[in-house]
Amino acid sequence: MADNEQKPKEGGAPVQMITPPHPIKAKVSGSGGPTKEMLAKAEAAITKMSDDYPVWAVKDVEKLGDLIKAVDPAAEDADDQLQACFRMAHDMRGQGGSFGYPLMTRIANSLCRFIESIPKLDTGALAICSAHVDAMHAVIGHRVSGSGGEIGGQIAAGLETAVQKYMKQAG
């Protein structure tokens, strides 16, 4: 009998035990955690992406602006149009903080929360969405990394106040 065969149990056929290979194990280095070299390589990649972030973020902001301008509150698919804006802002929200632009994250988050809570889509709501895009243009255009300091705080707070006023009036 071979090493991987067992004796049959009372009148049954022999059983063969098959141990599948672990190909992933050969691809993972070390005994678990990342090595210093792996971490250095990852940090270098993030730094490179952070340097490139403003270039592609400008394109994302322009696309978001175009999407918002295309929303027609009277259209049957207005909600779908607005959801496309939400998805774009949602992606931008995640990217900002990852690449050293938490003010972009704050503005995009404000826009996402606003879009989710608009009681009735109208020109006033779209104007607030456009104001968020204008703020994003300013942040990326001037490469305002970090929180943006006092001016960044005022911009974000102004947008948040506009949202609150709109919601109170639309309420």
C-alpha atoms as a PDB file:
ATOM      1  CA  MET A   1       0.000   0.000   0.000  1.00  0.00           C
ATOM      2  CA  ALA A   2       1.314   3.531  -0.816  1.00  0.00           C
ATOM      3  CA  ASP A   3       2.089   6.032   1.944  1.00  0.00           C
ATOM      4  CA  ASN A   4      -0.975   8.075   1.199  1.00  0.00           C
ATOM      5  CA  GLU A   5      -3.375   5.136   1.167  1.00  0.00           C
ATOM      6  CA  GLN A   6      -5.179   3.809   4.179  1.00  0.00           C
ATOM      7  CA  LYS A   7      -6.592   0.369   4.793  1.00  0.00           C
ATOM      8  CA  PRO A   8     -10.213   0.048   3.810  1.00  0.00           C
ATOM      9  CA  LYS A   9     -12.770   0.004   6.573  1.00  0.00           C
ATOM     10  CA  GLU A  10     -14.661  -3.239   6.810  1.00  0.00           C
ATOM     11  CA  GLY A  11     -15.198  -4.234   3.215  1.00  0.00           C
ATOM     12  CA  GLY A  12     -14.771  -0.830   1.634  1.00  0.00           C
ATOM     13  CA  ALA A  13     -12.337   0.270  -1.065  1.00  0.00           C
ATOM     14  CA  PRO A  14      -8.945   1.728  -0.123  1.00  0.00           C
ATOM     15  CA  VAL A  15      -9.026   5.481   0.586  1.00  0.00           C
ATOM     16  CA  GLN A  16      -6.384   7.756  -0.860  1.00  0.00           C
ATOM     17  CA  MET A  17      -5.545  10.940   1.077  1.00  0.00           C
ATOM     18  CA  ILE A  18      -4.603  13.853  -1.183  1.00  0.00           C
ATOM     19  CA  THR A  19      -2.914  16.889   0.307  1.00  0.00           C
ATOM     20  CA  PRO A  20      -3.258  19.852  -2.071  1.00  0.00           C
ATOM     21  CA  PRO A  21      -0.210  22.039  -2.600  1.00  0.00           C
ATOM     22  CA  HIS A  22      -0.026  25.530  -1.046  1.00  0.00           C
ATOM     23  CA  PRO A  23       1.195  27.687  -3.973  1.00  0.00           C
ATOM     24  CA  ILE A  24       0.415  30.933  -2.163  1.00  0.00           C
ATOM     25  CA  LYS A  25       2.836  29.991   0.588  1.00  0.00           C
ATOM     26  CA  ALA A  26       5.735  30.069  -1.875  1.00  0.00           C
ATOM     27  CA  LYS A  27       4.755  33.585  -2.960  1.00  0.00           C
ATOM     28  CA  VAL A  28       4.709  35.052   0.541  1.00  0.00           C
ATOM     29  CA  SER A  29       8.043  35.991   1.955  1.00  0.00           C
ATOM     30  CA  GLY A  30       9.124  35.400   5.512  1.00  0.00           C
ATOM     31  CA  SER A  31       7.056  34.102   8.343  1.00  0.00           C
ATOM     32  CA  GLY A  32       4.215  36.545   8.166  1.00  0.00           C
ATOM     33  CA  GLY A  33       4.620  40.295   8.368  1.00  0.00           C
ATOM     34  CA  PRO A  34       6.005  42.640   5.760  1.00  0.00           C
ATOM     35  CA  THR A  35       9.747  43.095   5.531  1.00  0.00           C
ATOM     36  CA  LYS A  36      11.500  46.456   5.787  1.00  0.00           C
ATOM     37  CA  GLU A  37      12.124  46.298   2.058  1.00  0.00           C
ATOM     38  CA  MET A  38       8.443  45.701   1.353  1.00  0.00           C
ATOM     39  CA  LEU A  39       7.453  48.658   3.536  1.00  0.00           C
ATOM     40  CA  ALA A  40      10.028  50.931   1.896  1.00  0.00           C
ATOM     41  CA  LYS A  41       8.762  49.959  -1.545  1.00  0.00           C
ATOM     42  CA  ALA A  42       5.154  50.624  -0.520  1.00  0.00           C
ATOM     43  CA  GLU A  43       6.046  53.995   0.994  1.00  0.00           C
ATOM     44  CA  ALA A  44       7.893  54.979  -2.183  1.00  0.00           C
ATOM     45  CA  ALA A  45       4.839  54.069  -4.260  1.00  0.00           C
ATOM     46  CA  ILE A  46       2.551  56.116  -2.021  1.00  0.00           C
ATOM     47  CA  THR A  47       4.923  59.086  -2.169  1.00  0.00           C
ATOM     48  CA  LYS A  48       4.961  58.893  -5.976  1.00  0.00           C
ATOM     49  CA  MET A  49       1.169  58.704  -6.088  1.00  0.00           C
ATOM     50  CA  SER A  50       0.924  61.617  -3.636  1.00  0.00           C
ATOM     51  CA  ASP A  51       3.125  63.709  -5.920  1.00  0.00           C
ATOM     52  CA  ASP A  52       0.861  62.848  -8.869  1.00  0.00           C
ATOM     53  CA  TYR A  53      -2.412  63.279  -6.953  1.00  0.00           C
ATOM     54  CA  PRO A  54      -3.049  66.957  -7.808  1.00  0.00           C
ATOM     55  CA  VAL A  55      -2.635  66.241 -11.525  1.00  0.00           C
ATOM     56  CA  TRP A  56      -5.312  63.558 -11.675  1.00  0.00           C
ATOM     57  CA  ALA A  57      -7.459  65.137  -8.941  1.00  0.00           C
ATOM     58  CA  VAL A  58      -7.951  68.207 -11.157  1.00  0.00           C
ATOM     59  CA  LYS A  59      -9.414  65.928 -13.819  1.00  0.00           C
ATOM     60  CA  ASP A  60     -11.704  64.295 -11.254  1.00  0.00           C
ATOM     61  CA  VAL A  61     -12.909  67.683 -10.004  1.00  0.00           C
ATOM     62  CA  GLU A  62     -13.615  68.805 -13.567  1.00  0.00           C
ATOM     63  CA  LYS A  63     -15.529  65.595 -14.267  1.00  0.00           C
ATOM     64  CA  LEU A  64     -17.544  66.041 -11.059  1.00  0.00           C
ATOM     65  CA  GLY A  65     -18.320  69.618 -12.059  1.00  0.00           C
ATOM     66  CA  ASP A  66     -19.498  68.454 -15.477  1.00  0.00           C
ATOM     67  CA  LEU A  67     -21.688  65.798 -13.880  1.00  0.00           C
ATOM     68  CA  ILE A  68     -23.301  68.348 -11.568  1.00  0.00           C
ATOM     69  CA  LYS A  69     -23.880  70.815 -14.419  1.00  0.00           C
ATOM     70  CA  ALA A  70     -25.593  68.038 -16.389  1.00  0.00           C
ATOM     71  CA  VAL A  71     -28.086  67.229 -13.632  1.00  0.00           C
ATOM     72  CA  ASP A  72     -31.561  68.318 -14.653  1.00  0.00           C
ATOM     73  CA  PRO A  73     -33.906  68.442 -11.644  1.00  0.00           C
ATOM     74  CA  ALA A  74     -36.914  67.980 -13.966  1.00  0.00           C
ATOM     75  CA  ALA A  75     -35.507  64.909 -15.723  1.00  0.00           C
ATOM     76  CA  GLU A  76     -36.907  61.470 -14.971  1.00  0.00           C
ATOM     77  CA  ASP A  77     -33.390  60.191 -14.293  1.00  0.00           C
ATOM     78  CA  ALA A  78     -32.391  63.119 -12.063  1.00  0.00           C
ATOM     79  CA  ASP A  79     -31.831  60.788  -9.100  1.00  0.00           C
ATOM     80  CA  ASP A  80     -29.539  58.585 -11.199  1.00  0.00           C
ATOM     81  CA  GLN A  81     -27.638  61.659 -12.374  1.00  0.00           C
ATOM     82  CA  LEU A  82     -27.210  62.794  -8.787  1.00  0.00           C
ATOM     83  CA  GLN A  83     -26.058  59.329  -7.724  1.00  0.00           C
ATOM     84  CA  ALA A  84     -23.281  59.500 -10.343  1.00  0.00           C
ATOM     85  CA  CYS A  85     -22.169  62.739  -8.662  1.00  0.00           C
ATOM     86  CA  PHE A  86     -22.301  61.039  -5.278  1.00  0.00           C
ATOM     87  CA  ARG A  87     -20.129  58.125  -6.450  1.00  0.00           C
ATOM     88  CA  MET A  88     -17.530  60.497  -7.876  1.00  0.00           C
ATOM     89  CA  ALA A  89     -17.444  62.608  -4.685  1.00  0.00           C
ATOM     90  CA  HIS A  90     -17.298  59.436  -2.595  1.00  0.00           C
ATOM     91  CA  ASP A  91     -14.180  58.264  -4.439  1.00  0.00           C
ATOM     92  CA  MET A  92     -12.592  61.678  -4.065  1.00  0.00           C
ATOM     93  CA  ARG A  93     -13.358  61.655  -0.350  1.00  0.00           C
ATOM     94  CA  GLY A  94     -11.277  58.516   0.107  1.00  0.00           C
ATOM     95  CA  GLN A  95      -8.391  59.717  -2.029  1.00  0.00           C
ATOM     96  CA  GLY A  96      -7.862  63.132  -0.422  1.00  0.00           C
ATOM     97  CA  GLY A  97      -6.734  61.949   2.981  1.00  0.00           C
ATOM     98  CA  SER A  98      -4.726  59.086   1.518  1.00  0.00           C
ATOM     99  CA  PHE A  99      -2.556  61.483  -0.463  1.00  0.00           C
ATOM    100  CA  GLY A 100      -2.114  64.312   2.018  1.00  0.00           C
ATOM    101  CA  TYR A 101      -5.167  66.420   1.187  1.00  0.00           C
ATOM    102  CA  PRO A 102      -7.570  65.985   4.119  1.00  0.00           C
ATOM    103  CA  LEU A 103      -9.300  69.253   3.216  1.00  0.00           C
ATOM    104  CA  MET A 104     -10.406  67.605  -0.043  1.00  0.00           C
ATOM    105  CA  THR A 105     -11.721  64.722   2.018  1.00  0.00           C
ATOM    106  CA  ARG A 106     -13.658  67.099   4.262  1.00  0.00           C
ATOM    107  CA  ILE A 107     -15.203  68.948   1.307  1.00  0.00           C
ATOM    108  CA  ALA A 108     -16.039  65.741  -0.563  1.00  0.00           C
ATOM    109  CA  ASN A 109     -17.539  64.279   2.608  1.00  0.00           C
ATOM    110  CA  SER A 110     -19.703  67.371   3.036  1.00  0.00           C
ATOM    111  CA  LEU A 111     -20.877  66.998  -0.569  1.00  0.00           C
ATOM    112  CA  CYS A 112     -21.641  63.290  -0.104  1.00  0.00           C
ATOM    113  CA  ARG A 113     -23.651  63.920   3.068  1.00  0.00           C
ATOM    114  CA  PHE A 114     -25.507  66.751   1.345  1.00  0.00           C
ATOM    115  CA  ILE A 115     -26.392  64.662  -1.711  1.00  0.00           C
ATOM    116  CA  GLU A 116     -27.666  61.880   0.546  1.00  0.00           C
ATOM    117  CA  SER A 117     -29.947  64.237   2.425  1.00  0.00           C
ATOM    118  CA  ILE A 118     -31.373  66.504  -0.307  1.00  0.00           C
ATOM    119  CA  PRO A 119     -35.128  66.431   0.328  1.00  0.00           C
ATOM    120  CA  LYS A 120     -36.048  67.708  -3.168  1.00  0.00           C
ATOM    121  CA  LEU A 121     -33.580  68.282  -5.961  1.00  0.00           C
ATOM    122  CA  ASP A 122     -33.755  71.875  -7.182  1.00  0.00           C
ATOM    123  CA  THR A 123     -31.480  74.622  -8.494  1.00  0.00           C
ATOM    124  CA  GLY A 124     -30.576  75.671  -4.945  1.00  0.00           C
ATOM    125  CA  ALA A 125     -29.302  72.196  -4.145  1.00  0.00           C
ATOM    126  CA  LEU A 126     -27.294  72.126  -7.368  1.00  0.00           C
ATOM    127  CA  ALA A 127     -25.799  75.527  -6.534  1.00  0.00           C
ATOM    128  CA  ILE A 128     -24.533  74.109  -3.235  1.00  0.00           C
ATOM    129  CA  CYS A 129     -23.101  71.097  -5.057  1.00  0.00           C
ATOM    130  CA  SER A 130     -21.349  73.472  -7.464  1.00  0.00           C
ATOM    131  CA  ALA A 131     -19.970  75.490  -4.545  1.00  0.00           C
ATOM    132  CA  HIS A 132     -18.360  72.294  -3.247  1.00  0.00           C
ATOM    133  CA  VAL A 133     -16.780  71.704  -6.658  1.00  0.00           C
ATOM    134  CA  ASP A 134     -15.494  75.296  -6.719  1.00  0.00           C
ATOM    135  CA  ALA A 135     -13.898  74.747  -3.319  1.00  0.00           C
ATOM    136  CA  MET A 136     -12.284  71.534  -4.557  1.00  0.00           C
ATOM    137  CA  HIS A 137     -10.913  73.411  -7.580  1.00  0.00           C
ATOM    138  CA  ALA A 138      -9.361  75.981  -5.250  1.00  0.00           C
ATOM    139  CA  VAL A 139      -7.793  73.341  -2.998  1.00  0.00           C
ATOM    140  CA  ILE A 140      -6.283  71.347  -5.847  1.00  0.00           C
ATOM    141  CA  GLY A 141      -5.446  74.348  -8.008  1.00  0.00           C
ATOM    142  CA  HIS A 142      -3.454  75.911  -5.184  1.00  0.00           C
ATOM    143  CA  ARG A 143      -2.185  72.541  -3.961  1.00  0.00           C
ATOM    144  CA  VAL A 144      -3.497  73.123  -0.472  1.00  0.00           C
ATOM    145  CA  SER A 145      -2.290  69.990   1.254  1.00  0.00           C
ATOM    146  CA  GLY A 146      -3.058  69.263   4.862  1.00  0.00           C
ATOM    147  CA  SER A 147      -6.033  70.897   6.528  1.00  0.00           C
ATOM    148  CA  GLY A 148      -5.550  74.193   4.706  1.00  0.00           C
ATOM    149  CA  GLY A 149      -5.019  76.065   7.940  1.00  0.00           C
ATOM    150  CA  GLU A 150      -7.402  78.823   8.950  1.00  0.00           C
ATOM    151  CA  ILE A 151      -8.529  79.551   5.384  1.00  0.00           C
ATOM    152  CA  GLY A 152      -9.171  75.866   4.707  1.00  0.00           C
ATOM    153  CA  GLY A 153     -11.236  75.662   7.861  1.00  0.00           C
ATOM    154  CA  GLN A 154     -13.243  78.721   6.804  1.00  0.00           C
ATOM    155  CA  ILE A 155     -13.914  77.271   3.350  1.00  0.00           C
ATOM    156  CA  ALA A 156     -15.139  73.958   4.753  1.00  0.00           C
ATOM    157  CA  ALA A 157     -17.156  75.638   7.497  1.00  0.00           C
ATOM    158  CA  GLY A 158     -18.747  77.972   4.920  1.00  0.00           C
ATOM    159  CA  LEU A 159     -19.863  75.005   2.828  1.00  0.00           C
ATOM    160  CA  GLU A 160     -21.210  73.247   5.886  1.00  0.00           C
ATOM    161  CA  THR A 161     -23.119  76.389   6.889  1.00  0.00           C
ATOM    162  CA  ALA A 162     -24.587  76.694   3.375  1.00  0.00           C
ATOM    163  CA  VAL A 163     -25.755  73.091   3.599  1.00  0.00           C
ATOM    164  CA  GLN A 164     -27.365  73.718   6.993  1.00  0.00           C
ATOM    165  CA  LYS A 165     -29.164  76.849   5.777  1.00  0.00           C
ATOM    166  CA  TYR A 166     -30.427  75.069   2.677  1.00  0.00           C
ATOM    167  CA  MET A 167     -31.682  72.116   4.677  1.00  0.00           C
ATOM    168  CA  LYS A 168     -33.436  74.419   7.156  1.00  0.00           C
ATOM    169  CA  GLN A 169     -35.197  76.286   4.308  1.00  0.00           C
ATOM    170  CA  ALA A 170     -36.037  73.104   2.392  1.00  0.00           C
ATOM    171  CA  GLY A 171     -37.042  71.333   5.568  1.00  0.00           C
END
